[in-house]
């Protein structure tokens, strides 16, 4: 029986760097795949009927509040107002918007007349 002595092969810095780059690329690729899966799940959830119903409700509340606050404005006015509002503090705008939606975004109470 012939036993050979195992010798340790030292890798150069370039070999170790290449291995690290390869490992980094593999990790980045796994992360991209995981992010793609998460985005796909998010997309499916956003298409769910309950989410669509909520989104349509929010759009209706926005339209009602916008009409009550500025009935003579159209989309061009709102876009210009949004551009001016970008310079403001976002948290302050959010709080004020929630207050205004609570005041003006609700539908009118009572039965609605049937469409004929």
C-alpha atoms as a PDB file:
ATOM      1  CA  UNK A   1       0.000   0.000   0.000  1.00  0.00           C
ATOM      2  CA  UNK A   2       1.380   3.236  -1.088  1.00  0.00           C
ATOM      3  CA  UNK A   3       0.349   6.278   0.881  1.00  0.00           C
ATOM      4  CA  UNK A   4       1.082   9.618  -0.600  1.00  0.00           C
ATOM      5  CA  UNK A   5       1.467  12.614   1.532  1.00  0.00           C
ATOM      6  CA  UNK A   6      -1.162  15.251   0.835  1.00  0.00           C
ATOM      7  CA  UNK A   7       0.296  18.617   0.178  1.00  0.00           C
ATOM      8  CA  UNK A   8      -1.555  21.825   0.626  1.00  0.00           C
ATOM      9  CA  UNK A   9      -1.832  23.914  -2.495  1.00  0.00           C
ATOM     10  CA  UNK A  10      -1.835  27.582  -1.784  1.00  0.00           C
ATOM     11  CA  UNK A  11      -4.068  29.635  -3.971  1.00  0.00           C
ATOM     12  CA  UNK A  12      -2.959  32.980  -5.222  1.00  0.00           C
ATOM     13  CA  UNK A  13      -4.736  36.211  -4.373  1.00  0.00           C
ATOM     14  CA  UNK A  14      -6.127  36.343  -7.922  1.00  0.00           C
ATOM     15  CA  UNK A  15      -7.661  32.874  -7.535  1.00  0.00           C
ATOM     16  CA  UNK A  16      -9.245  33.818  -4.228  1.00  0.00           C
ATOM     17  CA  UNK A  17     -10.531  37.074  -5.709  1.00  0.00           C
ATOM     18  CA  UNK A  18     -12.022  35.177  -8.656  1.00  0.00           C
ATOM     19  CA  UNK A  19     -13.757  32.791  -6.249  1.00  0.00           C
ATOM     20  CA  UNK A  20     -15.156  35.699  -4.254  1.00  0.00           C
ATOM     21  CA  UNK A  21     -16.406  37.403  -7.426  1.00  0.00           C
ATOM     22  CA  UNK A  22     -18.083  34.162  -8.501  1.00  0.00           C
ATOM     23  CA  UNK A  23     -19.712  33.769  -5.092  1.00  0.00           C
ATOM     24  CA  UNK A  24     -20.878  37.401  -5.184  1.00  0.00           C
ATOM     25  CA  UNK A  25     -22.423  36.904  -8.640  1.00  0.00           C
ATOM     26  CA  UNK A  26     -24.278  33.784  -7.443  1.00  0.00           C
ATOM     27  CA  UNK A  27     -25.657  35.595  -4.400  1.00  0.00           C
ATOM     28  CA  UNK A  28     -26.772  38.577  -6.491  1.00  0.00           C
ATOM     29  CA  UNK A  29     -28.495  36.241  -8.950  1.00  0.00           C
ATOM     30  CA  UNK A  30     -30.361  34.478  -6.125  1.00  0.00           C
ATOM     31  CA  UNK A  31     -31.445  37.853  -4.744  1.00  0.00           C
ATOM     32  CA  UNK A  32     -32.722  38.944  -8.168  1.00  0.00           C
ATOM     33  CA  UNK A  33     -34.722  35.745  -8.465  1.00  0.00           C
ATOM     34  CA  UNK A  34     -36.192  36.232  -4.982  1.00  0.00           C
ATOM     35  CA  UNK A  35     -37.108  39.847  -5.743  1.00  0.00           C
ATOM     36  CA  UNK A  36     -38.747  38.770  -9.005  1.00  0.00           C
ATOM     37  CA  UNK A  37     -40.844  36.200  -7.098  1.00  0.00           C
ATOM     38  CA  UNK A  38     -41.883  38.839  -4.561  1.00  0.00           C
ATOM     39  CA  UNK A  39     -42.825  41.286  -7.337  1.00  0.00           C
ATOM     40  CA  UNK A  40     -44.912  38.587  -9.031  1.00  0.00           C
ATOM     41  CA  UNK A  41     -46.764  37.862  -5.771  1.00  0.00           C
ATOM     42  CA  UNK A  42     -47.304  41.587  -5.242  1.00  0.00           C
ATOM     43  CA  UNK A  43     -48.670  41.932  -8.774  1.00  0.00           C
ATOM     44  CA  UNK A  44     -51.094  39.048  -8.210  1.00  0.00           C
ATOM     45  CA  UNK A  45     -52.271  40.561  -4.928  1.00  0.00           C
ATOM     46  CA  UNK A  46     -52.857  43.948  -6.535  1.00  0.00           C
ATOM     47  CA  UNK A  47     -55.141  42.288  -9.084  1.00  0.00           C
ATOM     48  CA  UNK A  48     -57.313  40.678  -6.434  1.00  0.00           C
ATOM     49  CA  UNK A  49     -60.951  41.795  -6.518  1.00  0.00           C
ATOM     50  CA  UNK A  50     -60.908  43.139  -2.970  1.00  0.00           C
ATOM     51  CA  UNK A  51     -57.875  45.338  -3.693  1.00  0.00           C
ATOM     52  CA  UNK A  52     -59.453  46.591  -6.921  1.00  0.00           C
ATOM     53  CA  UNK A  53     -62.655  47.401  -5.044  1.00  0.00           C
ATOM     54  CA  UNK A  54     -60.707  49.350  -2.409  1.00  0.00           C
ATOM     55  CA  UNK A  55     -58.771  51.229  -5.101  1.00  0.00           C
ATOM     56  CA  UNK A  56     -61.991  52.171  -6.925  1.00  0.00           C
ATOM     57  CA  UNK A  57     -63.441  53.362  -3.614  1.00  0.00           C
ATOM     58  CA  UNK A  58     -60.392  55.545  -2.976  1.00  0.00           C
ATOM     59  CA  UNK A  59     -60.643  56.986  -6.482  1.00  0.00           C
ATOM     60  CA  UNK A  60     -64.317  57.835  -5.926  1.00  0.00           C
ATOM     61  CA  UNK A  61     -63.520  59.506  -2.590  1.00  0.00           C
ATOM     62  CA  UNK A  62     -60.757  61.508  -4.258  1.00  0.00           C
ATOM     63  CA  UNK A  63     -63.057  62.610  -7.085  1.00  0.00           C
ATOM     64  CA  UNK A  64     -65.809  63.672  -4.655  1.00  0.00           C
ATOM     65  CA  UNK A  65     -63.398  65.603  -2.415  1.00  0.00           C
ATOM     66  CA  UNK A  66     -61.697  67.274  -5.394  1.00  0.00           C
ATOM     67  CA  UNK A  67     -65.033  68.362  -6.835  1.00  0.00           C
ATOM     68  CA  UNK A  68     -66.231  69.757  -3.497  1.00  0.00           C
ATOM     69  CA  UNK A  69     -62.992  71.660  -2.873  1.00  0.00           C
ATOM     70  CA  UNK A  70     -62.494  73.007  -6.403  1.00  0.00           C
ATOM     71  CA  UNK A  71     -65.460  72.373  -8.699  1.00  0.00           C
ATOM     72  CA  UNK A  72     -64.082  74.552 -11.511  1.00  0.00           C
ATOM     73  CA  UNK A  73     -60.701  72.781 -11.705  1.00  0.00           C
ATOM     74  CA  UNK A  74     -59.788  70.120 -14.242  1.00  0.00           C
ATOM     75  CA  UNK A  75     -56.842  67.712 -14.474  1.00  0.00           C
ATOM     76  CA  UNK A  76     -54.398  70.409 -15.578  1.00  0.00           C
ATOM     77  CA  UNK A  77     -55.065  72.392 -12.406  1.00  0.00           C
ATOM     78  CA  UNK A  78     -54.541  69.327 -10.237  1.00  0.00           C
ATOM     79  CA  UNK A  79     -51.255  68.451 -11.932  1.00  0.00           C
ATOM     80  CA  UNK A  80     -49.987  72.006 -11.372  1.00  0.00           C
ATOM     81  CA  UNK A  81     -51.103  71.889  -7.730  1.00  0.00           C
ATOM     82  CA  UNK A  82     -49.312  68.569  -7.247  1.00  0.00           C
ATOM     83  CA  UNK A  83     -46.131  70.055  -8.684  1.00  0.00           C
ATOM     84  CA  UNK A  84     -46.352  72.979  -6.254  1.00  0.00           C
ATOM     85  CA  UNK A  85     -47.085  70.623  -3.359  1.00  0.00           C
ATOM     86  CA  UNK A  86     -43.922  68.589  -3.987  1.00  0.00           C
ATOM     87  CA  UNK A  87     -41.951  71.360  -2.283  1.00  0.00           C
ATOM     88  CA  UNK A  88     -43.976  70.920   0.934  1.00  0.00           C
ATOM     89  CA  UNK A  89     -43.398  68.498   3.802  1.00  0.00           C
ATOM     90  CA  UNK A  90     -44.895  65.095   2.812  1.00  0.00           C
ATOM     91  CA  UNK A  91     -46.078  64.233   6.328  1.00  0.00           C
ATOM     92  CA  UNK A  92     -47.937  67.524   6.706  1.00  0.00           C
ATOM     93  CA  UNK A  93     -49.563  67.023   3.310  1.00  0.00           C
ATOM     94  CA  UNK A  94     -50.587  63.464   4.209  1.00  0.00           C
ATOM     95  CA  UNK A  95     -52.233  64.569   7.463  1.00  0.00           C
ATOM     96  CA  UNK A  96     -54.077  67.446   5.806  1.00  0.00           C
ATOM     97  CA  UNK A  97     -55.180  65.177   2.943  1.00  0.00           C
ATOM     98  CA  UNK A  98     -56.579  62.627   5.380  1.00  0.00           C
ATOM     99  CA  UNK A  99     -58.528  65.368   7.149  1.00  0.00           C
ATOM    100  CA  UNK A 100     -59.956  66.672   3.870  1.00  0.00           C
ATOM    101  CA  UNK A 101     -60.899  63.195   2.657  1.00  0.00           C
ATOM    102  CA  UNK A 102     -62.664  62.534   5.948  1.00  0.00           C
ATOM    103  CA  UNK A 103     -64.629  65.772   5.571  1.00  0.00           C
ATOM    104  CA  UNK A 104     -65.403  65.812   1.864  1.00  0.00           C
ATOM    105  CA  UNK A 105     -64.748  62.325   0.519  1.00  0.00           C
ATOM    106  CA  UNK A 106     -67.798  60.552   1.880  1.00  0.00           C
ATOM    107  CA  UNK A 107     -70.791  59.839  -0.313  1.00  0.00           C
ATOM    108  CA  UNK A 108     -74.157  61.344   0.357  1.00  0.00           C
ATOM    109  CA  UNK A 109     -76.371  59.413   2.724  1.00  0.00           C
ATOM    110  CA  UNK A 110     -79.696  57.953   1.708  1.00  0.00           C
ATOM    111  CA  UNK A 111     -80.963  56.078  -1.287  1.00  0.00           C
ATOM    112  CA  UNK A 112     -79.688  56.929  -4.663  1.00  0.00           C
ATOM    113  CA  UNK A 113     -82.236  57.353  -7.419  1.00  0.00           C
ATOM    114  CA  UNK A 114     -82.305  54.485  -9.886  1.00  0.00           C
ATOM    115  CA  UNK A 115     -80.848  55.151 -13.307  1.00  0.00           C
ATOM    116  CA  UNK A 116     -83.505  55.189 -15.972  1.00  0.00           C
END
